[in-house]
Every structure is written in structure tokens, then in C-alpha cells.
N, C-alpha and C. Protein backbone atom coordinates (compact mmCIF):
# COMPACT_ATOMS: atom_id res chain seq x y z
N UNK A 1 -1.99 12.29 13.52
CA UNK A 1 -2.50 13.38 12.70
C UNK A 1 -3.34 12.77 11.59
N UNK A 2 -4.51 13.27 11.39
CA UNK A 2 -5.38 12.78 10.33
C UNK A 2 -5.20 13.62 9.08
N UNK A 3 -5.78 13.13 8.01
CA UNK A 3 -5.67 13.86 6.73
C UNK A 3 -6.33 15.22 6.82
N UNK A 4 -7.41 15.34 7.61
CA UNK A 4 -8.10 16.62 7.69
C UNK A 4 -7.28 17.66 8.46
N UNK A 5 -6.31 17.21 9.29
CA UNK A 5 -5.45 18.14 10.03
C UNK A 5 -4.17 18.46 9.28
N UNK A 6 -3.96 17.89 8.12
CA UNK A 6 -2.72 18.03 7.38
C UNK A 6 -2.52 19.47 6.90
N UNK A 7 -1.32 20.02 7.17
CA UNK A 7 -1.01 21.33 6.63
C UNK A 7 -0.56 21.24 5.18
N UNK A 8 -0.42 20.03 4.65
CA UNK A 8 0.16 19.85 3.32
C UNK A 8 -0.82 20.20 2.21
N UNK A 9 -1.99 19.66 2.26
CA UNK A 9 -2.98 19.86 1.20
C UNK A 9 -4.29 19.24 1.65
N UNK A 10 -5.41 19.66 1.07
CA UNK A 10 -6.65 18.97 1.39
C UNK A 10 -6.58 17.53 0.86
N UNK A 11 -6.75 16.56 1.74
CA UNK A 11 -6.60 15.16 1.37
C UNK A 11 -7.88 14.40 1.65
N UNK A 12 -8.14 13.32 0.89
CA UNK A 12 -9.31 12.48 1.16
C UNK A 12 -9.21 11.83 2.55
N UNK A 13 -10.35 11.40 3.07
CA UNK A 13 -10.40 10.82 4.41
C UNK A 13 -9.58 9.53 4.55
N UNK A 14 -9.44 8.74 3.50
CA UNK A 14 -8.72 7.48 3.57
C UNK A 14 -7.20 7.67 3.67
N UNK A 15 -6.73 8.88 3.41
CA UNK A 15 -5.30 9.16 3.43
C UNK A 15 -4.88 9.56 4.84
N UNK A 16 -3.72 9.07 5.26
CA UNK A 16 -3.18 9.36 6.58
C UNK A 16 -1.88 10.13 6.40
N UNK A 17 -1.62 11.09 7.29
CA UNK A 17 -0.34 11.77 7.29
C UNK A 17 0.44 11.23 8.49
N UNK A 18 1.56 10.56 8.19
CA UNK A 18 2.38 9.93 9.23
C UNK A 18 3.79 10.49 9.12
N UNK A 19 4.26 11.12 10.18
CA UNK A 19 5.59 11.74 10.23
C UNK A 19 5.80 12.67 9.03
N UNK A 20 4.75 13.39 8.64
CA UNK A 20 4.82 14.34 7.55
C UNK A 20 4.62 13.75 6.17
N UNK A 21 4.63 12.43 6.07
CA UNK A 21 4.45 11.77 4.78
C UNK A 21 2.96 11.52 4.53
N UNK A 22 2.57 11.61 3.27
CA UNK A 22 1.21 11.27 2.87
C UNK A 22 1.21 9.76 2.62
N UNK A 23 0.35 9.04 3.34
CA UNK A 23 0.37 7.58 3.31
C UNK A 23 -0.99 7.03 2.88
N UNK A 24 -0.95 6.16 1.88
CA UNK A 24 -2.12 5.40 1.46
C UNK A 24 -1.92 4.00 2.01
N UNK A 25 -2.67 3.64 3.04
CA UNK A 25 -2.52 2.33 3.65
C UNK A 25 -3.28 1.28 2.85
N UNK A 26 -2.82 0.04 2.98
CA UNK A 26 -3.47 -1.07 2.30
C UNK A 26 -4.73 -1.48 3.05
N UNK A 27 -5.68 -1.97 2.30
CA UNK A 27 -6.87 -2.54 2.92
C UNK A 27 -6.48 -3.83 3.62
N UNK A 28 -7.25 -4.16 4.63
CA UNK A 28 -7.04 -5.45 5.29
C UNK A 28 -7.90 -6.49 4.58
N UNK A 29 -7.31 -7.61 4.24
CA UNK A 29 -8.09 -8.64 3.54
C UNK A 29 -8.94 -9.45 4.53
N UNK A 30 -9.87 -8.79 5.20
CA UNK A 30 -10.68 -9.43 6.24
C UNK A 30 -11.47 -10.61 5.70
N UNK A 31 -11.96 -10.52 4.48
CA UNK A 31 -12.75 -11.61 3.92
C UNK A 31 -11.94 -12.89 3.80
N UNK A 32 -10.62 -12.76 3.69
CA UNK A 32 -9.75 -13.94 3.61
C UNK A 32 -9.27 -14.39 4.98
N UNK A 33 -8.96 -13.45 5.84
CA UNK A 33 -8.31 -13.76 7.10
C UNK A 33 -9.29 -14.20 8.19
N UNK A 34 -10.40 -13.51 8.32
CA UNK A 34 -11.31 -13.78 9.43
C UNK A 34 -11.92 -15.18 9.42
N UNK A 35 -12.35 -15.72 8.28
CA UNK A 35 -12.86 -17.10 8.31
C UNK A 35 -11.82 -18.12 8.77
N UNK A 36 -10.59 -17.97 8.30
CA UNK A 36 -9.53 -18.88 8.72
C UNK A 36 -9.24 -18.73 10.21
N UNK A 37 -9.23 -17.49 10.69
CA UNK A 37 -9.02 -17.25 12.11
C UNK A 37 -10.13 -17.87 12.95
N UNK A 38 -11.37 -17.77 12.48
CA UNK A 38 -12.50 -18.35 13.22
C UNK A 38 -12.39 -19.87 13.29
N UNK A 39 -12.02 -20.51 12.19
CA UNK A 39 -11.87 -21.96 12.17
C UNK A 39 -10.75 -22.38 13.13
N UNK A 40 -9.65 -21.62 13.13
CA UNK A 40 -8.54 -21.93 14.02
C UNK A 40 -8.94 -21.77 15.48
N UNK A 41 -9.71 -20.74 15.78
CA UNK A 41 -10.18 -20.54 17.16
C UNK A 41 -11.06 -21.71 17.60
N UNK A 42 -11.95 -22.15 16.74
CA UNK A 42 -12.83 -23.28 17.07
C UNK A 42 -11.98 -24.53 17.32
N UNK A 43 -10.96 -24.76 16.48
CA UNK A 43 -10.09 -25.92 16.68
C UNK A 43 -9.33 -25.81 18.00
N UNK A 44 -8.88 -24.61 18.33
CA UNK A 44 -8.18 -24.43 19.60
C UNK A 44 -9.07 -24.69 20.79
N UNK A 45 -10.29 -24.21 20.72
CA UNK A 45 -11.25 -24.44 21.83
C UNK A 45 -11.56 -25.93 21.94
N UNK A 46 -11.69 -26.61 20.79
CA UNK A 46 -11.94 -28.05 20.82
C UNK A 46 -10.78 -28.79 21.47
N UNK A 47 -9.56 -28.35 21.19
CA UNK A 47 -8.39 -28.97 21.83
C UNK A 47 -8.38 -28.72 23.34
N UNK A 48 -8.76 -27.52 23.74
CA UNK A 48 -8.82 -27.20 25.17
C UNK A 48 -9.88 -28.05 25.88
N UNK A 49 -11.02 -28.19 25.27
CA UNK A 49 -12.10 -29.00 25.85
C UNK A 49 -11.66 -30.47 25.96
N UNK A 50 -10.89 -30.93 24.97
CA UNK A 50 -10.40 -32.30 24.99
C UNK A 50 -9.23 -32.49 25.95
N UNK A 51 -8.72 -31.40 26.53
CA UNK A 51 -7.64 -31.49 27.51
C UNK A 51 -6.24 -31.38 26.93
N UNK A 52 -6.11 -31.01 25.65
CA UNK A 52 -4.79 -30.87 25.03
C UNK A 52 -4.21 -29.49 25.37
N UNK A 53 -3.02 -29.47 25.91
CA UNK A 53 -2.36 -28.22 26.30
C UNK A 53 -2.08 -27.32 25.11
N UNK A 54 -1.86 -27.91 23.95
CA UNK A 54 -1.55 -27.12 22.76
C UNK A 54 -2.71 -26.21 22.36
N UNK A 55 -3.90 -26.45 22.89
CA UNK A 55 -5.07 -25.64 22.57
C UNK A 55 -4.85 -24.17 22.85
N UNK A 56 -4.09 -23.84 23.91
CA UNK A 56 -3.83 -22.43 24.24
C UNK A 56 -3.03 -21.75 23.13
N UNK A 57 -2.09 -22.49 22.56
CA UNK A 57 -1.29 -21.93 21.47
C UNK A 57 -2.14 -21.75 20.20
N UNK A 58 -3.02 -22.71 19.97
CA UNK A 58 -3.89 -22.62 18.79
C UNK A 58 -4.85 -21.44 18.93
N UNK A 59 -5.36 -21.21 20.14
CA UNK A 59 -6.27 -20.08 20.37
C UNK A 59 -5.53 -18.75 20.22
N UNK A 60 -4.28 -18.67 20.68
CA UNK A 60 -3.51 -17.42 20.63
C UNK A 60 -2.96 -17.11 19.24
N UNK A 61 -2.77 -18.12 18.40
CA UNK A 61 -2.11 -17.92 17.09
C UNK A 61 -2.83 -16.92 16.19
N UNK A 62 -4.14 -17.00 15.98
CA UNK A 62 -4.78 -16.02 15.08
C UNK A 62 -4.68 -14.59 15.59
N UNK A 63 -4.87 -14.39 16.89
CA UNK A 63 -4.79 -13.03 17.44
C UNK A 63 -3.37 -12.47 17.27
N UNK A 64 -2.37 -13.28 17.57
CA UNK A 64 -0.98 -12.83 17.42
C UNK A 64 -0.65 -12.55 15.95
N UNK A 65 -1.11 -13.40 15.07
CA UNK A 65 -0.85 -13.22 13.64
C UNK A 65 -1.51 -11.95 13.10
N UNK A 66 -2.76 -11.73 13.45
CA UNK A 66 -3.44 -10.52 12.99
C UNK A 66 -2.76 -9.27 13.51
N UNK A 67 -2.32 -9.30 14.76
CA UNK A 67 -1.65 -8.15 15.35
C UNK A 67 -0.31 -7.88 14.65
N UNK A 68 0.49 -8.91 14.46
CA UNK A 68 1.81 -8.74 13.83
C UNK A 68 1.68 -8.27 12.39
N UNK A 69 0.78 -8.88 11.63
CA UNK A 69 0.64 -8.48 10.23
C UNK A 69 0.06 -7.08 10.10
N UNK A 70 -0.80 -6.68 11.01
CA UNK A 70 -1.39 -5.33 10.95
C UNK A 70 -0.36 -4.27 11.28
N UNK A 71 0.54 -4.57 12.20
CA UNK A 71 1.51 -3.57 12.65
C UNK A 71 2.79 -3.56 11.83
N UNK A 72 3.29 -4.72 11.44
CA UNK A 72 4.60 -4.79 10.81
C UNK A 72 4.59 -4.99 9.30
N UNK A 73 3.69 -5.80 8.81
CA UNK A 73 3.78 -6.23 7.43
C UNK A 73 2.73 -5.64 6.50
N UNK A 74 1.95 -4.69 6.97
CA UNK A 74 0.90 -4.11 6.15
C UNK A 74 1.52 -3.16 5.13
N UNK A 75 1.35 -3.43 3.84
CA UNK A 75 1.97 -2.57 2.83
C UNK A 75 1.32 -1.19 2.78
N UNK A 76 2.07 -0.24 2.25
CA UNK A 76 1.56 1.13 2.11
C UNK A 76 2.29 1.81 0.95
N UNK A 77 1.66 2.85 0.44
CA UNK A 77 2.27 3.72 -0.57
C UNK A 77 2.42 5.08 0.08
N UNK A 78 3.63 5.61 0.12
CA UNK A 78 3.91 6.89 0.77
C UNK A 78 4.41 7.90 -0.24
N UNK A 79 3.98 9.15 -0.07
CA UNK A 79 4.50 10.25 -0.88
C UNK A 79 5.53 10.98 -0.02
N UNK A 80 6.74 11.11 -0.52
CA UNK A 80 7.80 11.82 0.18
C UNK A 80 8.37 12.88 -0.76
N UNK A 81 9.26 13.70 -0.24
CA UNK A 81 9.89 14.72 -1.06
C UNK A 81 10.64 14.10 -2.23
N UNK A 82 11.21 12.91 -2.03
CA UNK A 82 12.02 12.26 -3.06
C UNK A 82 11.20 11.52 -4.11
N UNK A 83 10.00 11.05 -3.73
CA UNK A 83 9.18 10.31 -4.67
C UNK A 83 8.16 9.43 -3.98
N UNK A 84 7.67 8.46 -4.72
CA UNK A 84 6.69 7.51 -4.19
C UNK A 84 7.43 6.31 -3.62
N UNK A 85 7.14 5.97 -2.38
CA UNK A 85 7.78 4.83 -1.73
C UNK A 85 6.72 3.76 -1.53
N UNK A 86 6.97 2.59 -2.11
CA UNK A 86 6.09 1.45 -1.88
C UNK A 86 6.71 0.62 -0.77
N UNK A 87 6.07 0.60 0.38
CA UNK A 87 6.56 -0.17 1.51
C UNK A 87 5.83 -1.51 1.53
N UNK A 88 6.60 -2.55 1.39
CA UNK A 88 6.05 -3.90 1.45
C UNK A 88 7.15 -4.79 2.00
N UNK A 89 6.88 -5.37 3.16
CA UNK A 89 7.88 -6.19 3.81
C UNK A 89 8.34 -7.29 2.87
N UNK A 90 9.61 -7.56 2.74
CA UNK A 90 10.78 -7.06 3.45
C UNK A 90 11.53 -5.96 2.72
N UNK A 91 10.92 -5.34 1.72
CA UNK A 91 11.65 -4.30 0.98
C UNK A 91 10.77 -3.08 0.77
N UNK A 92 11.43 -2.00 0.41
CA UNK A 92 10.75 -0.78 0.00
C UNK A 92 11.30 -0.37 -1.35
N UNK A 93 10.46 0.21 -2.18
CA UNK A 93 10.87 0.62 -3.51
C UNK A 93 10.55 2.10 -3.70
N UNK A 94 11.55 2.89 -4.07
CA UNK A 94 11.38 4.32 -4.29
C UNK A 94 11.35 4.61 -5.79
N UNK A 95 10.31 5.29 -6.24
CA UNK A 95 10.23 5.79 -7.61
C UNK A 95 10.30 7.30 -7.52
N UNK A 96 11.38 7.88 -8.00
CA UNK A 96 11.63 9.32 -7.86
C UNK A 96 10.66 10.15 -8.70
N UNK A 97 10.29 11.32 -8.15
CA UNK A 97 9.36 12.23 -8.85
C UNK A 97 9.91 12.62 -10.22
N UNK A 98 11.21 12.92 -10.30
CA UNK A 98 11.77 13.40 -11.55
C UNK A 98 11.84 12.31 -12.63
N UNK A 99 11.63 11.05 -12.24
CA UNK A 99 11.63 9.96 -13.21
C UNK A 99 10.24 9.70 -13.78
N UNK A 100 9.20 10.26 -13.14
CA UNK A 100 7.82 10.00 -13.55
C UNK A 100 7.34 11.08 -14.52
N UNK A 101 6.89 10.66 -15.68
CA UNK A 101 6.35 11.58 -16.68
C UNK A 101 4.87 11.87 -16.41
N UNK A 102 4.09 10.81 -16.17
CA UNK A 102 2.66 10.98 -15.88
C UNK A 102 2.15 9.78 -15.10
N UNK A 103 0.99 9.95 -14.49
CA UNK A 103 0.35 8.87 -13.75
C UNK A 103 -1.08 8.70 -14.25
N UNK A 104 -1.63 7.53 -14.02
CA UNK A 104 -3.00 7.26 -14.43
C UNK A 104 -3.52 6.01 -13.75
N UNK A 105 -4.82 5.81 -13.84
CA UNK A 105 -5.45 4.59 -13.33
C UNK A 105 -5.78 3.72 -14.53
N UNK A 106 -5.43 2.46 -14.46
CA UNK A 106 -5.72 1.53 -15.55
C UNK A 106 -6.08 0.17 -14.97
N UNK A 107 -6.70 -0.64 -15.78
CA UNK A 107 -7.00 -2.02 -15.41
C UNK A 107 -6.00 -2.91 -16.12
N UNK A 108 -5.45 -3.84 -15.36
CA UNK A 108 -4.54 -4.82 -15.93
C UNK A 108 -4.95 -6.17 -15.33
N UNK A 109 -5.44 -7.04 -16.19
CA UNK A 109 -5.99 -8.30 -15.68
C UNK A 109 -7.25 -7.97 -14.89
N UNK A 110 -7.32 -8.47 -13.68
CA UNK A 110 -8.47 -8.16 -12.84
C UNK A 110 -8.10 -7.17 -11.73
N UNK A 111 -7.03 -6.42 -11.93
CA UNK A 111 -6.55 -5.48 -10.92
C UNK A 111 -6.67 -4.05 -11.42
N UNK A 112 -6.85 -3.12 -10.47
CA UNK A 112 -6.83 -1.69 -10.77
C UNK A 112 -5.45 -1.19 -10.33
N UNK A 113 -4.75 -0.52 -11.23
CA UNK A 113 -3.36 -0.13 -10.98
C UNK A 113 -3.21 1.38 -11.07
N UNK A 114 -2.59 1.97 -10.06
CA UNK A 114 -2.14 3.36 -10.14
C UNK A 114 -0.81 3.28 -10.88
N UNK A 115 -0.85 3.58 -12.17
CA UNK A 115 0.30 3.34 -13.03
C UNK A 115 1.04 4.63 -13.33
N UNK A 116 2.31 4.48 -13.68
CA UNK A 116 3.11 5.64 -14.07
C UNK A 116 3.88 5.34 -15.33
N UNK A 117 4.09 6.38 -16.10
CA UNK A 117 4.93 6.32 -17.29
C UNK A 117 6.21 7.05 -16.95
N UNK A 118 7.35 6.41 -17.16
CA UNK A 118 8.63 7.01 -16.85
C UNK A 118 9.09 7.94 -17.96
N UNK A 119 9.91 8.91 -17.60
CA UNK A 119 10.55 9.80 -18.56
C UNK A 119 11.43 8.94 -19.46
N UNK A 120 11.49 9.27 -20.74
CA UNK A 120 12.30 8.49 -21.69
C UNK A 120 13.74 8.36 -21.19
N UNK A 121 14.27 7.14 -21.28
CA UNK A 121 15.65 6.88 -20.92
C UNK A 121 15.86 6.51 -19.46
N UNK A 122 14.83 6.58 -18.65
CA UNK A 122 14.96 6.22 -17.23
C UNK A 122 14.63 4.74 -17.08
N UNK A 123 15.56 3.97 -16.49
CA UNK A 123 15.26 2.54 -16.30
C UNK A 123 14.22 2.36 -15.20
N UNK A 124 13.35 1.36 -15.36
CA UNK A 124 12.33 1.14 -14.33
C UNK A 124 12.96 0.64 -13.03
N UNK A 125 12.33 0.94 -11.90
CA UNK A 125 12.86 0.46 -10.63
C UNK A 125 12.76 -1.06 -10.54
N UNK A 126 13.61 -1.64 -9.72
CA UNK A 126 13.52 -3.07 -9.47
C UNK A 126 12.28 -3.32 -8.62
N UNK A 127 11.87 -4.54 -8.55
CA UNK A 127 10.76 -4.97 -7.70
C UNK A 127 9.47 -4.20 -7.96
N UNK A 128 9.00 -4.30 -9.15
CA UNK A 128 7.71 -3.68 -9.48
C UNK A 128 6.75 -4.78 -9.91
N UNK A 129 5.96 -5.32 -8.97
CA UNK A 129 5.07 -6.42 -9.34
C UNK A 129 4.03 -6.03 -10.37
N UNK A 130 3.63 -4.77 -10.41
CA UNK A 130 2.60 -4.34 -11.35
C UNK A 130 3.16 -4.19 -12.77
N UNK A 131 4.47 -4.03 -12.92
CA UNK A 131 5.06 -3.79 -14.24
C UNK A 131 4.80 -4.95 -15.20
N UNK A 132 5.01 -6.17 -14.73
CA UNK A 132 4.79 -7.33 -15.60
C UNK A 132 3.32 -7.46 -15.97
N UNK A 133 2.44 -7.17 -15.05
CA UNK A 133 1.00 -7.23 -15.32
C UNK A 133 0.60 -6.16 -16.34
N UNK A 134 1.18 -4.97 -16.23
CA UNK A 134 0.89 -3.90 -17.18
C UNK A 134 1.40 -4.24 -18.58
N UNK A 135 2.60 -4.82 -18.67
CA UNK A 135 3.14 -5.23 -19.97
C UNK A 135 2.25 -6.30 -20.61
N UNK A 136 1.82 -7.27 -19.79
CA UNK A 136 0.98 -8.35 -20.32
C UNK A 136 -0.37 -7.82 -20.81
N UNK A 137 -0.87 -6.76 -20.18
CA UNK A 137 -2.15 -6.19 -20.58
C UNK A 137 -2.00 -5.19 -21.73
N UNK A 138 -0.76 -4.88 -22.10
CA UNK A 138 -0.52 -3.92 -23.19
C UNK A 138 -0.79 -2.48 -22.79
N UNK A 139 -0.75 -2.19 -21.50
CA UNK A 139 -0.99 -0.83 -21.02
C UNK A 139 0.22 0.06 -21.33
N UNK A 140 -0.01 1.35 -21.60
CA UNK A 140 1.09 2.25 -21.98
C UNK A 140 1.84 2.81 -20.77
N UNK A 141 2.07 2.00 -19.76
CA UNK A 141 2.76 2.44 -18.54
C UNK A 141 3.94 1.52 -18.25
N UNK A 142 4.89 2.03 -17.46
CA UNK A 142 6.10 1.28 -17.15
C UNK A 142 6.05 0.56 -15.80
N UNK A 143 5.16 0.96 -14.93
CA UNK A 143 5.08 0.35 -13.60
C UNK A 143 3.93 0.96 -12.84
N UNK A 144 3.78 0.51 -11.62
CA UNK A 144 2.70 1.07 -10.83
C UNK A 144 2.50 0.35 -9.52
N UNK A 145 1.41 0.69 -8.89
CA UNK A 145 1.05 0.17 -7.58
C UNK A 145 -0.39 -0.29 -7.64
N UNK A 146 -0.73 -1.35 -6.96
CA UNK A 146 -2.08 -1.89 -7.00
C UNK A 146 -3.02 -0.99 -6.21
N UNK A 147 -3.77 -0.17 -6.93
CA UNK A 147 -4.67 0.80 -6.28
C UNK A 147 -5.86 0.11 -5.63
N UNK A 148 -6.26 -1.05 -6.14
CA UNK A 148 -7.39 -1.73 -5.53
C UNK A 148 -7.04 -2.35 -4.18
N UNK A 149 -5.76 -2.43 -3.86
CA UNK A 149 -5.33 -2.93 -2.55
C UNK A 149 -5.20 -1.81 -1.53
N UNK A 150 -5.29 -0.56 -1.98
CA UNK A 150 -5.15 0.58 -1.07
C UNK A 150 -6.53 1.02 -0.57
N UNK A 151 -6.55 1.51 0.66
CA UNK A 151 -7.79 2.02 1.24
C UNK A 151 -8.19 3.30 0.51
N UNK A 152 -9.45 3.46 0.24
CA UNK A 152 -9.93 4.66 -0.43
C UNK A 152 -10.23 4.43 -1.89
N UNK A 153 -10.81 5.44 -2.51
CA UNK A 153 -11.18 5.39 -3.91
C UNK A 153 -9.95 5.59 -4.79
N UNK A 154 -9.81 4.80 -5.83
CA UNK A 154 -8.64 4.89 -6.70
C UNK A 154 -8.54 6.24 -7.41
N UNK A 155 -9.67 6.86 -7.72
CA UNK A 155 -9.63 8.19 -8.36
C UNK A 155 -9.14 9.26 -7.40
N UNK A 156 -9.47 9.13 -6.11
CA UNK A 156 -8.95 10.06 -5.10
C UNK A 156 -7.44 9.89 -4.95
N UNK A 157 -6.99 8.64 -4.96
CA UNK A 157 -5.55 8.36 -4.87
C UNK A 157 -4.83 8.98 -6.06
N UNK A 158 -5.37 8.77 -7.26
CA UNK A 158 -4.78 9.35 -8.47
C UNK A 158 -4.73 10.87 -8.38
N UNK A 159 -5.79 11.49 -7.90
CA UNK A 159 -5.83 12.96 -7.81
C UNK A 159 -4.75 13.48 -6.87
N UNK A 160 -4.56 12.83 -5.74
CA UNK A 160 -3.53 13.27 -4.78
C UNK A 160 -2.14 13.10 -5.38
N UNK A 161 -1.86 11.93 -5.95
CA UNK A 161 -0.53 11.68 -6.53
C UNK A 161 -0.27 12.64 -7.69
N UNK A 162 -1.25 12.85 -8.56
CA UNK A 162 -1.08 13.76 -9.70
C UNK A 162 -0.81 15.18 -9.23
N UNK A 163 -1.49 15.59 -8.17
CA UNK A 163 -1.28 16.95 -7.66
C UNK A 163 0.15 17.13 -7.15
N UNK A 164 0.65 16.14 -6.40
CA UNK A 164 2.03 16.24 -5.91
C UNK A 164 3.03 16.13 -7.05
N UNK A 165 2.72 15.36 -8.08
CA UNK A 165 3.61 15.25 -9.24
C UNK A 165 3.70 16.57 -9.97
N UNK A 166 2.59 17.29 -10.10
CA UNK A 166 2.54 18.53 -10.86
C UNK A 166 3.06 19.74 -10.09
N UNK A 167 3.09 19.68 -8.76
CA UNK A 167 3.46 20.84 -7.95
C UNK A 167 4.73 20.58 -7.12
N UNK A 168 5.90 20.95 -7.65
CA UNK A 168 7.15 20.74 -6.91
C UNK A 168 7.17 21.46 -5.56
N UNK A 169 6.52 22.63 -5.46
CA UNK A 169 6.49 23.34 -4.18
C UNK A 169 5.74 22.55 -3.13
N UNK A 170 4.69 21.88 -3.52
CA UNK A 170 3.92 21.04 -2.60
C UNK A 170 4.75 19.84 -2.16
N UNK A 171 5.50 19.25 -3.09
CA UNK A 171 6.39 18.13 -2.73
C UNK A 171 7.45 18.57 -1.74
N UNK A 172 7.87 19.83 -1.84
CA UNK A 172 8.89 20.36 -0.92
C UNK A 172 8.44 20.39 0.53
N UNK A 173 7.13 20.34 0.78
CA UNK A 173 6.63 20.33 2.16
C UNK A 173 6.72 18.96 2.80
N UNK A 174 7.00 17.93 1.98
CA UNK A 174 7.08 16.58 2.49
C UNK A 174 8.49 16.28 3.01
N UNK A 175 8.63 15.36 3.95
CA UNK A 175 9.97 14.98 4.42
C UNK A 175 10.66 14.08 3.39
N UNK A 176 11.99 13.95 3.46
CA UNK A 176 12.70 13.07 2.53
C UNK A 176 12.31 11.60 2.79
N UNK A 177 12.60 10.75 1.82
CA UNK A 177 12.21 9.34 1.91
C UNK A 177 12.88 8.64 3.08
N UNK A 178 14.14 8.93 3.30
CA UNK A 178 14.85 8.23 4.39
C UNK A 178 14.96 6.75 4.11
N UNK A 179 15.10 6.00 5.15
CA UNK A 179 15.24 4.55 4.99
C UNK A 179 14.04 3.86 5.50
């Protein structure tokens, strides 16, 4: 199901609806991965030409790695009935809707962060890599997600998250976070 077919709300094209959840997938770091994969392929072919049996494994390694990382380890930010779920292997982190006071886009260091301010008295979730960066930058937020790593425009991402934060009835159309 694509975002344009979603019964939930009008969503930007970069957003995917998977099992009823609104999902912001991470960009693929092709600029980092593809040059290394190309060098490895050339080395594997050179080994094959030289008669080394290991060349087949060297040739297969980049393709297998790209496939596994694309399918299993690609991080995502999901909107569920319970809150925002940051999926990043090997853990997932849930930030509940009722704990979030407001959201915004901010720069921290050289990163763009979809940041949130927690309701007073709510402890921040564990495993928030953006929280330390936000504190170091002096930003008025308690945590967040790296919006520059997500596919799509950061302002579109903010608009979708803010809409679900402001409309409890709309959140009710989403499935629970689950495991």
C-alpha cells in the first residue's frame, strides 16, 4: 500500500503505509556503500582471473551485504497508536504520544533533527542518540530522530508527525505499536 492509497490521511510521497503504520524509511547511504562495493567486486574479479577460488565469495559479498542491510537492518521511524517507534537494529524505541508536548525541526551539529519536547516530569526514553546532540547544541528539546537520515523532506515529516500529535482521533486509526 502506498501513501496515496492510505485511508489514514493525505501523506507525502516519501511516506509508506506498512501494516497500517505510517513509516518514514531511512535513506540508503549509496554514496558510501556503492564505491566500496565496486572496489570489492573488482578485487573479486581479479581473484577469479588469477585462479583463486575465494574470488566467488568476494564477488558475492557486496550483493549479499546490500540485500541483508536493505531488508533487515534499515532503520525507520513509525507512527503507531501508542506513539513514535524508532526501529534500528538491534533495538526499537517507543516514545509515547502522551509524553510528547511538542515537535519541531532543529539543527544540532551538522544534523537535522525531528525533535520533541517531553511533558514536564516525564523521563526521556532510553537509547536516544539525538538527545546528547541536542543537549550539546543547547536546543530546547529532550530527544528526537535524525530527520536528515529519513527519506523525504524534513518539513513534510514534521507536518505529518505534528498532525498525528494534535489529532487523537487520527492516531486511533493506527495499529498499536506491538513488538
